[in-house]
Amino acid sequence: MKEIKIYTKNTCPFCKRIVEFFKQKNLQFQEIDLQDKPNELQALKDRTGLRTVPQVFIGDKLIGGCDDTLALDASGELDRLLQI
């Protein structure tokens, strides 16, 4: 299975939702909390062009935020991307 990274802020309800989603699917992931890390948040914004969190990566590929990830799961595409 490919590595999952989730960039979050601890005050973000969408971040909490997507973290809980991956826990319920029993998938291992790395959560990177950017709450008090403005330089790291800016680096992520520079990398992706996005200003919001969560940002979910599978391997090196950005798959999107909470809604994007849940939509991929509903379509079955998430499992394919993870190669489960």
Protein backbone atom coordinates (compact mmCIF):
# COMPACT_ATOMS: atom_id res chain seq x y z
CA MET A 1 0.00 0.00 0.00
CA LYS A 2 1.16 3.50 -0.78
CA GLU A 3 2.02 5.99 1.95
CA ILE A 4 -0.77 8.34 3.05
CA LYS A 5 0.02 11.83 4.37
CA ILE A 6 -2.61 14.23 5.65
CA TYR A 7 -1.74 17.87 6.28
CA THR A 8 -4.08 19.29 8.91
CA LYS A 9 -4.73 21.99 11.47
CA ASN A 10 -6.08 20.92 14.84
CA THR A 11 -8.88 23.52 14.71
CA CYS A 12 -10.24 22.31 11.36
CA PRO A 13 -13.42 20.18 11.47
CA PHE A 14 -12.80 18.82 7.96
CA CYS A 15 -9.33 17.71 9.07
CA LYS A 16 -10.80 15.87 12.04
CA ARG A 17 -13.36 14.24 9.78
CA ILE A 18 -10.84 12.92 7.26
CA VAL A 19 -8.47 11.69 9.99
CA GLU A 20 -11.38 9.78 11.55
CA PHE A 21 -12.33 8.41 8.12
CA PHE A 22 -8.87 6.89 7.61
CA LYS A 23 -8.90 5.49 11.15
CA GLN A 24 -12.27 3.83 10.50
CA LYS A 25 -10.86 2.28 7.31
CA ASN A 26 -7.98 0.92 9.43
CA LEU A 27 -5.42 2.56 7.16
CA GLN A 28 -2.07 3.77 8.42
CA PHE A 29 -1.29 7.39 7.66
CA GLN A 30 0.96 10.20 8.75
CA GLU A 31 -0.78 13.32 10.03
CA ILE A 32 1.20 16.54 9.78
CA ASP A 33 -0.39 19.26 11.94
CA LEU A 34 0.44 22.71 10.58
CA GLN A 35 -1.48 24.67 13.25
CA ASP A 36 1.43 26.70 14.60
CA LYS A 37 3.85 26.18 11.71
CA PRO A 38 3.36 29.10 9.30
CA ASN A 39 6.55 28.37 7.35
CA GLU A 40 5.55 24.74 6.71
CA LEU A 41 2.02 25.82 5.79
CA GLN A 42 3.43 28.34 3.30
CA ALA A 43 5.71 25.66 1.83
CA LEU A 44 2.67 23.40 1.33
CA LYS A 45 0.75 26.27 -0.28
CA ASP A 46 3.70 26.92 -2.60
CA ARG A 47 3.85 23.22 -3.50
CA THR A 48 0.15 22.67 -4.19
CA GLY A 49 -1.25 26.11 -4.91
CA LEU A 50 -3.97 25.42 -2.32
CA ARG A 51 -4.62 27.54 0.74
CA THR A 52 -6.82 25.11 2.67
CA VAL A 53 -6.44 21.99 4.78
CA PRO A 54 -6.80 19.11 4.91
CA GLN A 55 -4.61 18.13 2.01
CA VAL A 56 -4.39 14.39 1.46
CA PHE A 57 -1.51 12.80 -0.43
CA ILE A 58 -1.21 9.21 -1.59
CA GLY A 59 2.43 8.67 -2.33
CA ASP A 60 3.53 11.94 -3.91
CA LYS A 61 0.13 12.64 -5.49
CA LEU A 62 -2.25 15.20 -3.99
CA ILE A 63 -5.75 13.71 -4.10
CA GLY A 64 -7.42 16.75 -2.54
CA GLY A 65 -9.21 17.65 0.64
CA CYS A 66 -11.93 16.03 2.71
CA ASP A 67 -14.73 16.13 0.13
CA ASP A 68 -12.41 14.99 -2.68
CA THR A 69 -11.18 12.03 -0.64
CA LEU A 70 -14.67 10.95 0.41
CA ALA A 71 -15.85 11.18 -3.21
CA LEU A 72 -12.94 8.99 -4.32
CA ASP A 73 -13.88 6.47 -1.67
CA ALA A 74 -17.55 6.46 -2.74
CA SER A 75 -16.54 5.79 -6.34
CA GLY A 76 -14.12 2.99 -5.39
CA GLU A 77 -11.20 4.95 -6.81
CA LEU A 78 -9.54 5.47 -3.42
CA ASP A 79 -8.93 1.75 -2.95
CA ARG A 80 -7.45 1.56 -6.44
CA LEU A 81 -5.12 4.48 -5.73
CA LEU A 82 -4.02 2.80 -2.50
CA GLN A 83 -3.70 -0.56 -4.27
CA ILE A 84 -5.55 -2.38 -1.51
